[in-house]
Amino acid sequence: MRLTGEIGKIVQDGKQVGGIRGWTVFVQTKPPIYSYVVAAGYWMTEKIASKVVTVEFYSQENGAMNLVCDKEGTLELPEEYVLDKLILETLKITFKDNFDWRKI
């Protein structure tokens, strides 16, 4: 199963610290069920204390941005990353629980 969206917010301690664009969810549907997200690009506006963050995933419909899901996940960021610049490299986001996107 695949679910895609246009943009997302990276939030830590209630504050937006970055974002993602062009995200796709990949779901392993055979037990054990698990999922992860790959974004086509990302940006960070400040250094984060931990790679565990909340990500808000949005899709666009009829010109409006709609929240699909917000979920705690772990960013697979490099140790050093640039601030305030769109990085056109993939970013993988994993979830510590066996989150099943089909149940949204």
PDB file of N, CA and C in Angstrom:
ATOM      1  N   MET A   1       0.839  -1.177   0.000  1.00  0.00           N
ATOM      2  CA  MET A   1       0.000   0.000   0.000  1.00  0.00           C
ATOM      3  C   MET A   1       0.880   1.236   0.000  1.00  0.00           C
ATOM      4  N   ARG A   2       0.449   2.243  -0.720  1.00  0.00           N
ATOM      5  CA  ARG A   2       1.161   3.516  -0.742  1.00  0.00           C
ATOM      6  C   ARG A   2       0.181   4.644  -0.502  1.00  0.00           C
ATOM      7  N   LEU A   3       0.621   5.616   0.275  1.00  0.00           N
ATOM      8  CA  LEU A   3      -0.126   6.838   0.523  1.00  0.00           C
ATOM      9  C   LEU A   3       0.863   7.961   0.309  1.00  0.00           C
ATOM     10  N   THR A   4       0.460   8.995  -0.408  1.00  0.00           N
ATOM     11  CA  THR A   4       1.387  10.088  -0.691  1.00  0.00           C
ATOM     12  C   THR A   4       0.790  11.419  -0.274  1.00  0.00           C
ATOM     13  N   GLY A   5       1.667  12.376  -0.084  1.00  0.00           N
ATOM     14  CA  GLY A   5       1.235  13.720   0.264  1.00  0.00           C
ATOM     15  C   GLY A   5       2.269  14.735  -0.176  1.00  0.00           C
ATOM     16  N   GLU A   6       1.904  15.984  -0.059  1.00  0.00           N
ATOM     17  CA  GLU A   6       2.733  17.057  -0.580  1.00  0.00           C
ATOM     18  C   GLU A   6       3.736  17.610   0.415  1.00  0.00           C
ATOM     19  N   ILE A   7       3.310  17.767   1.669  1.00  0.00           N
ATOM     20  CA  ILE A   7       4.147  18.500   2.609  1.00  0.00           C
ATOM     21  C   ILE A   7       3.925  17.989   4.024  1.00  0.00           C
ATOM     22  N   GLY A   8       4.847  18.273   4.895  1.00  0.00           N
ATOM     23  CA  GLY A   8       4.707  17.904   6.295  1.00  0.00           C
ATOM     24  C   GLY A   8       5.500  18.836   7.187  1.00  0.00           C
ATOM     25  N   LYS A   9       5.119  18.893   8.437  1.00  0.00           N
ATOM     26  CA  LYS A   9       5.826  19.694   9.433  1.00  0.00           C
ATOM     27  C   LYS A   9       6.586  18.771  10.364  1.00  0.00           C
ATOM     28  N   ILE A  10       7.799  19.169  10.722  1.00  0.00           N
ATOM     29  CA  ILE A  10       8.576  18.474  11.744  1.00  0.00           C
ATOM     30  C   ILE A  10       8.474  19.319  13.004  1.00  0.00           C
ATOM     31  N   VAL A  11       7.946  18.715  14.070  1.00  0.00           N
ATOM     32  CA  VAL A  11       7.660  19.457  15.301  1.00  0.00           C
ATOM     33  C   VAL A  11       8.393  18.801  16.469  1.00  0.00           C
ATOM     34  N   GLN A  12       9.004  19.635  17.314  1.00  0.00           N
ATOM     35  CA  GLN A  12       9.638  19.139  18.534  1.00  0.00           C
ATOM     36  C   GLN A  12       9.312  20.103  19.668  1.00  0.00           C
ATOM     37  N   ASP A  13       8.866  19.560  20.777  1.00  0.00           N
ATOM     38  CA  ASP A  13       8.470  20.361  21.943  1.00  0.00           C
ATOM     39  C   ASP A  13       7.442  21.426  21.578  1.00  0.00           C
ATOM     40  N   GLY A  14       6.497  21.067  20.698  1.00  0.00           N
ATOM     41  CA  GLY A  14       5.416  21.968  20.318  1.00  0.00           C
ATOM     42  C   GLY A  14       5.788  23.057  19.326  1.00  0.00           C
ATOM     43  N   LYS A  15       7.010  23.042  18.812  1.00  0.00           N
ATOM     44  CA  LYS A  15       7.484  24.082  17.897  1.00  0.00           C
ATOM     45  C   LYS A  15       7.912  23.467  16.572  1.00  0.00           C
ATOM     46  N   GLN A  16       7.511  24.104  15.461  1.00  0.00           N
ATOM     47  CA  GLN A  16       7.949  23.606  14.158  1.00  0.00           C
ATOM     48  C   GLN A  16       9.440  23.876  13.995  1.00  0.00           C
ATOM     49  N   VAL A  17      10.207  22.820  13.699  1.00  0.00           N
ATOM     50  CA  VAL A  17      11.658  22.923  13.548  1.00  0.00           C
ATOM     51  C   VAL A  17      12.125  22.535  12.150  1.00  0.00           C
ATOM     52  N   GLY A  18      11.184  22.196  11.286  1.00  0.00           N
ATOM     53  CA  GLY A  18      11.542  21.817   9.929  1.00  0.00           C
ATOM     54  C   GLY A  18      10.326  21.345   9.162  1.00  0.00           C
ATOM     55  N   GLY A  19      10.574  20.795   7.983  1.00  0.00           N
ATOM     56  CA  GLY A  19       9.479  20.311   7.165  1.00  0.00           C
ATOM     57  C   GLY A  19       9.955  19.290   6.150  1.00  0.00           C
ATOM     58  N   ILE A  20       8.989  18.635   5.530  1.00  0.00           N
ATOM     59  CA  ILE A  20       9.276  17.656   4.478  1.00  0.00           C
ATOM     60  C   ILE A  20       8.407  17.965   3.276  1.00  0.00           C
ATOM     61  N   ARG A  21       8.816  17.471   2.124  1.00  0.00           N
ATOM     62  CA  ARG A  21       7.979  17.613   0.928  1.00  0.00           C
ATOM     63  C   ARG A  21       8.019  16.318   0.140  1.00  0.00           C
ATOM     64  N   GLY A  22       6.927  16.076  -0.571  1.00  0.00           N
ATOM     65  CA  GLY A  22       6.840  14.906  -1.435  1.00  0.00           C
ATOM     66  C   GLY A  22       7.001  13.596  -0.686  1.00  0.00           C
ATOM     67  N   TRP A  23       6.130  13.350   0.297  1.00  0.00           N
ATOM     68  CA  TRP A  23       6.284  12.152   1.130  1.00  0.00           C
ATOM     69  C   TRP A  23       5.441  10.989   0.613  1.00  0.00           C
ATOM     70  N   THR A  24       5.961   9.794   0.842  1.00  0.00           N
ATOM     71  CA  THR A  24       5.280   8.553   0.477  1.00  0.00           C
ATOM     72  C   THR A  24       5.384   7.577   1.643  1.00  0.00           C
ATOM     73  N   VAL A  25       4.265   6.948   1.985  1.00  0.00           N
ATOM     74  CA  VAL A  25       4.234   5.941   3.043  1.00  0.00           C
ATOM     75  C   VAL A  25       4.399   4.572   2.407  1.00  0.00           C
ATOM     76  N   PHE A  26       5.233   3.759   3.003  1.00  0.00           N
ATOM     77  CA  PHE A  26       5.391   2.373   2.590  1.00  0.00           C
ATOM     78  C   PHE A  26       4.942   1.496   3.748  1.00  0.00           C
ATOM     79  N   VAL A  27       4.054   0.537   3.467  1.00  0.00           N
ATOM     80  CA  VAL A  27       3.507  -0.334   4.504  1.00  0.00           C
ATOM     81  C   VAL A  27       3.810  -1.782   4.161  1.00  0.00           C
ATOM     82  N   GLN A  28       4.382  -2.485   5.124  1.00  0.00           N
ATOM     83  CA  GLN A  28       4.558  -3.938   5.022  1.00  0.00           C
ATOM     84  C   GLN A  28       3.263  -4.554   5.547  1.00  0.00           C
ATOM     85  N   THR A  29       2.485  -5.168   4.686  1.00  0.00           N
ATOM     86  CA  THR A  29       1.158  -5.650   5.079  1.00  0.00           C
ATOM     87  C   THR A  29       1.141  -7.070   5.624  1.00  0.00           C
ATOM     88  N   LYS A  30       2.228  -7.800   5.469  1.00  0.00           N
ATOM     89  CA  LYS A  30       2.299  -9.150   6.046  1.00  0.00           C
ATOM     90  C   LYS A  30       2.928  -9.037   7.427  1.00  0.00           C
ATOM     91  N   PRO A  31       2.437  -9.810   8.389  1.00  0.00           N
ATOM     92  CA  PRO A  31       2.995  -9.716   9.751  1.00  0.00           C
ATOM     93  C   PRO A  31       4.495  -9.970   9.754  1.00  0.00           C
ATOM     94  N   PRO A  32       5.254  -9.207  10.539  1.00  0.00           N
ATOM     95  CA  PRO A  32       4.771  -8.112  11.376  1.00  0.00           C
ATOM     96  C   PRO A  32       4.501  -6.859  10.527  1.00  0.00           C
ATOM     97  N   ILE A  33       3.383  -6.220  10.760  1.00  0.00           N
ATOM     98  CA  ILE A  33       3.010  -5.017  10.012  1.00  0.00           C
ATOM     99  C   ILE A  33       3.837  -3.842  10.526  1.00  0.00           C
ATOM    100  N   TYR A  34       4.445  -3.125   9.621  1.00  0.00           N
ATOM    101  CA  TYR A  34       5.175  -1.914   9.984  1.00  0.00           C
ATOM    102  C   TYR A  34       5.130  -0.959   8.801  1.00  0.00           C
ATOM    103  N   SER A  35       5.480   0.276   9.052  1.00  0.00           N
ATOM    104  CA  SER A  35       5.480   1.263   7.976  1.00  0.00           C
ATOM    105  C   SER A  35       6.600   2.271   8.206  1.00  0.00           C
ATOM    106  N   TYR A  36       6.946   2.957   7.145  1.00  0.00           N
ATOM    107  CA  TYR A  36       7.902   4.048   7.215  1.00  0.00           C
ATOM    108  C   TYR A  36       7.546   5.038   6.119  1.00  0.00           C
ATOM    109  N   VAL A  37       8.090   6.236   6.226  1.00  0.00           N
ATOM    110  CA  VAL A  37       7.829   7.303   5.258  1.00  0.00           C
ATOM    111  C   VAL A  37       9.152   7.711   4.635  1.00  0.00           C
ATOM    112  N   VAL A  38       9.119   7.966   3.338  1.00  0.00           N
ATOM    113  CA  VAL A  38      10.269   8.536   2.653  1.00  0.00           C
ATOM    114  C   VAL A  38       9.822   9.860   2.040  1.00  0.00           C
ATOM    115  N   ALA A  39      10.543  10.923   2.387  1.00  0.00           N
ATOM    116  CA  ALA A  39      10.265  12.249   1.823  1.00  0.00           C
ATOM    117  C   ALA A  39      11.297  12.549   0.744  1.00  0.00           C
ATOM    118  N   ALA A  40      10.857  13.239  -0.314  1.00  0.00           N
ATOM    119  CA  ALA A  40      11.751  13.561  -1.422  1.00  0.00           C
ATOM    120  C   ALA A  40      12.699  14.706  -1.072  1.00  0.00           C
ATOM    121  N   GLY A  41      12.353  15.484  -0.073  1.00  0.00           N
ATOM    122  CA  GLY A  41      13.193  16.601   0.349  1.00  0.00           C
ATOM    123  C   GLY A  41      12.799  17.038   1.745  1.00  0.00           C
ATOM    124  N   TYR A  42      13.670  17.802   2.380  1.00  0.00           N
ATOM    125  CA  TYR A  42      13.397  18.283   3.731  1.00  0.00           C
ATOM    126  C   TYR A  42      14.160  19.572   3.992  1.00  0.00           C
ATOM    127  N   TRP A  43      13.755  20.267   5.031  1.00  0.00           N
ATOM    128  CA  TRP A  43      14.485  21.433   5.509  1.00  0.00           C
ATOM    129  C   TRP A  43      14.369  21.471   7.027  1.00  0.00           C
ATOM    130  N   MET A  44      15.397  21.993   7.651  1.00  0.00           N
ATOM    131  CA  MET A  44      15.408  22.161   9.101  1.00  0.00           C
ATOM    132  C   MET A  44      15.629  23.639   9.384  1.00  0.00           C
ATOM    133  N   THR A  45      14.861  24.197  10.295  1.00  0.00           N
ATOM    134  CA  THR A  45      15.015  25.612  10.640  1.00  0.00           C
ATOM    135  C   THR A  45      15.841  25.805  11.904  1.00  0.00           C
ATOM    136  N   GLU A  46      16.046  24.727  12.657  1.00  0.00           N
ATOM    137  CA  GLU A  46      16.920  24.783  13.832  1.00  0.00           C
ATOM    138  C   GLU A  46      17.413  23.380  14.158  1.00  0.00           C
ATOM    139  N   LYS A  47      18.484  23.326  14.930  1.00  0.00           N
ATOM    140  CA  LYS A  47      19.022  22.039  15.365  1.00  0.00           C
ATOM    141  C   LYS A  47      18.029  21.400  16.335  1.00  0.00           C
ATOM    142  N   ILE A  48      17.891  20.086  16.250  1.00  0.00           N
ATOM    143  CA  ILE A  48      16.954  19.389  17.130  1.00  0.00           C
ATOM    144  C   ILE A  48      17.706  18.674  18.235  1.00  0.00           C
ATOM    145  N   ALA A  49      17.048  18.577  19.391  1.00  0.00           N
ATOM    146  CA  ALA A  49      17.673  17.936  20.555  1.00  0.00           C
ATOM    147  C   ALA A  49      17.719  16.427  20.399  1.00  0.00           C
ATOM    148  N   SER A  50      16.764  15.883  19.671  1.00  0.00           N
ATOM    149  CA  SER A  50      16.653  14.443  19.483  1.00  0.00           C
ATOM    150  C   SER A  50      16.083  14.189  18.091  1.00  0.00           C
ATOM    151  N   LYS A  51      16.444  13.076  17.497  1.00  0.00           N
ATOM    152  CA  LYS A  51      15.897  12.736  16.177  1.00  0.00           C
ATOM    153  C   LYS A  51      14.488  12.176  16.273  1.00  0.00           C
ATOM    154  N   VAL A  52      13.978  12.018  17.502  1.00  0.00           N
ATOM    155  CA  VAL A  52      12.591  11.610  17.704  1.00  0.00           C
ATOM    156  C   VAL A  52      11.742  12.878  17.751  1.00  0.00           C
ATOM    157  N   VAL A  53      10.824  13.006  16.795  1.00  0.00           N
ATOM    158  CA  VAL A  53      10.012  14.207  16.631  1.00  0.00           C
ATOM    159  C   VAL A  53       8.575  13.798  16.313  1.00  0.00           C
ATOM    160  N   THR A  54       7.702  14.776  16.305  1.00  0.00           N
ATOM    161  CA  THR A  54       6.355  14.565  15.782  1.00  0.00           C
ATOM    162  C   THR A  54       6.338  15.100  14.363  1.00  0.00           C
ATOM    163  N   VAL A  55       5.775  14.326  13.448  1.00  0.00           N
ATOM    164  CA  VAL A  55       5.657  14.771  12.062  1.00  0.00           C
ATOM    165  C   VAL A  55       4.181  14.859  11.718  1.00  0.00           C
ATOM    166  N   GLU A  56       3.780  16.022  11.185  1.00  0.00           N
ATOM    167  CA  GLU A  56       2.407  16.230  10.716  1.00  0.00           C
ATOM    168  C   GLU A  56       2.424  16.067   9.204  1.00  0.00           C
ATOM    169  N   PHE A  57       1.659  15.117   8.707  1.00  0.00           N
ATOM    170  CA  PHE A  57       1.625  14.809   7.276  1.00  0.00           C
ATOM    171  C   PHE A  57       0.373  15.428   6.654  1.00  0.00           C
ATOM    172  N   TYR A  58       0.559  16.210   5.583  1.00  0.00           N
ATOM    173  CA  TYR A  58      -0.541  16.890   4.907  1.00  0.00           C
ATOM    174  C   TYR A  58      -0.641  16.440   3.456  1.00  0.00           C
ATOM    175  N   SER A  59      -1.879  16.419   2.951  1.00  0.00           N
ATOM    176  CA  SER A  59      -2.116  16.203   1.524  1.00  0.00           C
ATOM    177  C   SER A  59      -2.975  17.353   1.026  1.00  0.00           C
ATOM    178  N   GLN A  60      -2.980  17.545  -0.272  1.00  0.00           N
ATOM    179  CA  GLN A  60      -3.735  18.648  -0.861  1.00  0.00           C
ATOM    180  C   GLN A  60      -4.949  18.100  -1.586  1.00  0.00           C
ATOM    181  N   GLU A  61      -6.086  18.739  -1.330  1.00  0.00           N
ATOM    182  CA  GLU A  61      -7.317  18.353  -1.998  1.00  0.00           C
ATOM    183  C   GLU A  61      -8.138  19.606  -2.263  1.00  0.00           C
ATOM    184  N   ASN A  62      -8.490  19.831  -3.514  1.00  0.00           N
ATOM    185  CA  ASN A  62      -9.264  21.013  -3.917  1.00  0.00           C
ATOM    186  C   ASN A  62      -8.611  22.305  -3.435  1.00  0.00           C
ATOM    187  N   GLY A  63      -7.286  22.373  -3.509  1.00  0.00           N
ATOM    188  CA  GLY A  63      -6.560  23.579  -3.144  1.00  0.00           C
ATOM    189  C   GLY A  63      -6.344  23.780  -1.648  1.00  0.00           C
ATOM    190  N   ALA A  64      -6.857  22.877  -0.831  1.00  0.00           N
ATOM    191  CA  ALA A  64      -6.709  23.002   0.619  1.00  0.00           C
ATOM    192  C   ALA A  64      -5.738  21.947   1.132  1.00  0.00           C
ATOM    193  N   MET A  65      -4.952  22.308   2.133  1.00  0.00           N
ATOM    194  CA  MET A  65      -4.053  21.361   2.767  1.00  0.00           C
ATOM    195  C   MET A  65      -4.811  20.697   3.909  1.00  0.00           C
ATOM    196  N   ASN A  66      -4.835  19.367   3.893  1.00  0.00           N
ATOM    197  CA  ASN A  66      -5.558  18.598   4.901  1.00  0.00           C
ATOM    198  C   ASN A  66      -4.594  17.741   5.702  1.00  0.00           C
ATOM    199  N   LEU A  67      -4.725  17.796   7.033  1.00  0.00           N
ATOM    200  CA  LEU A  67      -3.896  16.965   7.900  1.00  0.00           C
ATOM    201  C   LEU A  67      -4.330  15.513   7.736  1.00  0.00           C
ATOM    202  N   VAL A  68      -3.401  14.669   7.333  1.00  0.00           N
ATOM    203  CA  VAL A  68      -3.669  13.242   7.168  1.00  0.00           C
ATOM    204  C   VAL A  68      -3.443  12.527   8.489  1.00  0.00           C
ATOM    205  N   CYS A  69      -2.334  12.863   9.138  1.00  0.00           N
ATOM    206  CA  CYS A  69      -1.940  12.168  10.362  1.00  0.00           C
ATOM    207  C   CYS A  69      -0.827  12.948  11.022  1.00  0.00           C
ATOM    208  N   ASP A  70      -0.762  12.905  12.342  1.00  0.00           N
ATOM    209  CA  ASP A  70       0.434  13.375  13.043  1.00  0.00           C
ATOM    210  C   ASP A  70       0.912  12.224  13.919  1.00  0.00           C
ATOM    211  N   LYS A  71       2.197  11.953  13.848  1.00  0.00           N
ATOM    212  CA  LYS A  71       2.732  10.742  14.463  1.00  0.00           C
ATOM    213  C   LYS A  71       4.157  10.984  14.924  1.00  0.00           C
ATOM    214  N   GLU A  72       4.513  10.409  16.073  1.00  0.00           N
ATOM    215  CA  GLU A  72       5.887  10.479  16.540  1.00  0.00           C
ATOM    216  C   GLU A  72       6.733   9.499  15.755  1.00  0.00           C
ATOM    217  N   GLY A  73       7.862   9.985  15.271  1.00  0.00           N
ATOM    218  CA  GLY A  73       8.755   9.136  14.500  1.00  0.00           C
ATOM    219  C   GLY A  73      10.195   9.550  14.688  1.00  0.00           C
ATOM    220  N   THR A  74      11.086   8.775  14.098  1.00  0.00           N
ATOM    221  CA  THR A  74      12.514   9.045  14.174  1.00  0.00           C
ATOM    222  C   THR A  74      13.026   9.420  12.793  1.00  0.00           C
ATOM    223  N   LEU A  75      13.699  10.562  12.717  1.00  0.00           N
ATOM    224  CA  LEU A  75      14.280  11.025  11.458  1.00  0.00           C
ATOM    225  C   LEU A  75      15.633  10.377  11.252  1.00  0.00           C
ATOM    226  N   GLU A  76      15.881   9.904  10.054  1.00  0.00           N
ATOM    227  CA  GLU A  76      17.203   9.372   9.723  1.00  0.00           C
ATOM    228  C   GLU A  76      18.005  10.494   9.062  1.00  0.00           C
ATOM    229  N   LEU A  77      18.345  11.493   9.890  1.00  0.00           N
ATOM    230  CA  LEU A  77      19.113  12.656   9.450  1.00  0.00           C
ATOM    231  C   LEU A  77      20.610  12.364   9.561  1.00  0.00           C
ATOM    232  N   PRO A  78      21.410  12.999   8.706  1.00  0.00           N
ATOM    233  CA  PRO A  78      22.856  12.900   8.916  1.00  0.00           C
ATOM    234  C   PRO A  78      23.234  13.624  10.211  1.00  0.00           C
ATOM    235  N   GLU A  79      24.386  13.319  10.761  1.00  0.00           N
ATOM    236  CA  GLU A  79      24.825  13.964  12.009  1.00  0.00           C
ATOM    237  C   GLU A  79      24.917  15.482  11.845  1.00  0.00           C
ATOM    238  N   GLU A  80      25.412  15.932  10.718  1.00  0.00           N
ATOM    239  CA  GLU A  80      25.497  17.369  10.422  1.00  0.00           C
ATOM    240  C   GLU A  80      24.510  17.681   9.305  1.00  0.00           C
ATOM    241  N   TYR A  81      23.727  18.735   9.492  1.00  0.00           N
ATOM    242  CA  TYR A  81      22.785  19.145   8.456  1.00  0.00           C
ATOM    243  C   TYR A  81      22.688  20.665   8.415  1.00  0.00           C
ATOM    244  N   VAL A  82      22.356  21.157   7.242  1.00  0.00           N
ATOM    245  CA  VAL A  82      22.281  22.587   6.977  1.00  0.00           C
ATOM    246  C   VAL A  82      20.926  23.117   7.453  1.00  0.00           C
ATOM    247  N   LEU A  83      20.913  24.330   7.974  1.00  0.00           N
ATOM    248  CA  LEU A  83      19.658  24.968   8.382  1.00  0.00           C
ATOM    249  C   LEU A  83      19.170  25.916   7.297  1.00  0.00           C
ATOM    250  N   ASP A  84      17.846  26.104   7.263  1.00  0.00           N
ATOM    251  CA  ASP A  84      17.197  27.093   6.393  1.00  0.00           C
ATOM    252  C   ASP A  84      17.479  26.900   4.909  1.00  0.00           C
ATOM    253  N   LYS A  85      17.586  25.645   4.481  1.00  0.00           N
ATOM    254  CA  LYS A  85      17.816  25.353   3.070  1.00  0.00           C
ATOM    255  C   LYS A  85      17.097  24.053   2.726  1.00  0.00           C
ATOM    256  N   LEU A  86      16.397  24.035   1.601  1.00  0.00           N
ATOM    257  CA  LEU A  86      15.733  22.819   1.142  1.00  0.00           C
ATOM    258  C   LEU A  86      16.794  21.831   0.671  1.00  0.00           C
ATOM    259  N   ILE A  87      16.803  20.655   1.259  1.00  0.00           N
ATOM    260  CA  ILE A  87      17.741  19.602   0.891  1.00  0.00           C
ATOM    261  C   ILE A  87      16.984  18.609   0.014  1.00  0.00           C
ATOM    262  N   LEU A  88      17.377  18.481  -1.230  1.00  0.00           N
ATOM    263  CA  LEU A  88      16.692  17.585  -2.162  1.00  0.00           C
ATOM    264  C   LEU A  88      17.317  16.194  -2.128  1.00  0.00           C
ATOM    265  N   GLU A  89      17.296  15.606  -0.942  1.00  0.00           N
ATOM    266  CA  GLU A  89      17.728  14.234  -0.725  1.00  0.00           C
ATOM    267  C   GLU A  89      16.620  13.544   0.052  1.00  0.00           C
ATOM    268  N   THR A  90      16.536  12.236  -0.084  1.00  0.00           N
ATOM    269  CA  THR A  90      15.476  11.532   0.630  1.00  0.00           C
ATOM    270  C   THR A  90      15.736  11.543   2.137  1.00  0.00           C
ATOM    271  N   LEU A  91      14.652  11.550   2.875  1.00  0.00           N
ATOM    272  CA  LEU A  91      14.681  11.484   4.329  1.00  0.00           C
ATOM    273  C   LEU A  91      13.727  10.378   4.747  1.00  0.00           C
ATOM    274  N   LYS A  92      14.231   9.401   5.474  1.00  0.00           N
ATOM    275  CA  LYS A  92      13.395   8.297   5.941  1.00  0.00           C
ATOM    276  C   LYS A  92      12.927   8.594   7.362  1.00  0.00           C
ATOM    277  N   ILE A  93      11.658   8.316   7.618  1.00  0.00           N
ATOM    278  CA  ILE A  93      11.058   8.498   8.934  1.00  0.00           C
ATOM    279  C   ILE A  93      10.496   7.150   9.360  1.00  0.00           C
ATOM    280  N   THR A  94      10.957   6.649  10.499  1.00  0.00           N
ATOM    281  CA  THR A  94      10.487   5.359  11.002  1.00  0.00           C
ATOM    282  C   THR A  94       9.691   5.575  12.278  1.00  0.00           C
ATOM    283  N   PHE A  95       8.901   4.582  12.646  1.00  0.00           N
ATOM    284  CA  PHE A  95       8.027   4.670  13.812  1.00  0.00           C
ATOM    285  C   PHE A  95       8.356   3.550  14.778  1.00  0.00           C
ATOM    286  N   LYS A  96       8.385   3.865  16.087  1.00  0.00           N
ATOM    287  CA  LYS A  96       8.807   2.849  17.054  1.00  0.00           C
ATOM    288  C   LYS A  96       7.752   1.775  17.269  1.00  0.00           C
ATOM    289  N   ASP A  97       6.487   2.120  17.095  1.00  0.00           N
ATOM    290  CA  ASP A  97       5.448   1.092  17.207  1.00  0.00           C
ATOM    291  C   ASP A  97       5.107   0.575  15.811  1.00  0.00           C
ATOM    292  N   ASN A  98       4.419  -0.506  15.744  1.00  0.00           N
ATOM    293  CA  ASN A  98       4.018  -1.082  14.465  1.00  0.00           C
ATOM    294  C   ASN A  98       2.789  -0.364  13.937  1.00  0.00           C
ATOM    295  N   PHE A  99       2.972   0.889  13.571  1.00  0.00           N
ATOM    296  CA  PHE A  99       1.889   1.748  13.110  1.00  0.00           C
ATOM    297  C   PHE A  99       1.389   1.303  11.741  1.00  0.00           C
ATOM    298  N   ASP A 100       0.079   1.114  11.613  1.00  0.00           N
ATOM    299  CA  ASP A 100      -0.534   0.657  10.359  1.00  0.00           C
ATOM    300  C   ASP A 100      -1.327   1.807   9.746  1.00  0.00           C
ATOM    301  N   TRP A 101      -0.790   2.413   8.685  1.00  0.00           N
ATOM    302  CA  TRP A 101      -1.420   3.551   8.020  1.00  0.00           C
ATOM    303  C   TRP A 101      -2.780   3.188   7.420  1.00  0.00           C
ATOM    304  N   ARG A 102      -3.050   1.910   7.195  1.00  0.00           N
ATOM    305  CA  ARG A 102      -4.340   1.529   6.600  1.00  0.00           C
ATOM    306  C   ARG A 102      -5.495   1.825   7.543  1.00  0.00           C
ATOM    307  N   LYS A 103      -5.205   2.054   8.831  1.00  0.00           N
ATOM    308  CA  LYS A 103      -6.254   2.290   9.819  1.00  0.00           C
ATOM    309  C   LYS A 103      -6.569   3.761  10.025  1.00  0.00           C
ATOM    310  N   ILE A 104      -6.002   4.622   9.193  1.00  0.00           N
ATOM    311  CA  ILE A 104      -6.283   6.070   9.328  1.00  0.00           C
ATOM    312  C   ILE A 104      -7.664   6.366   8.787  1.00  0.00           C
TER     313      ILE A 104
END
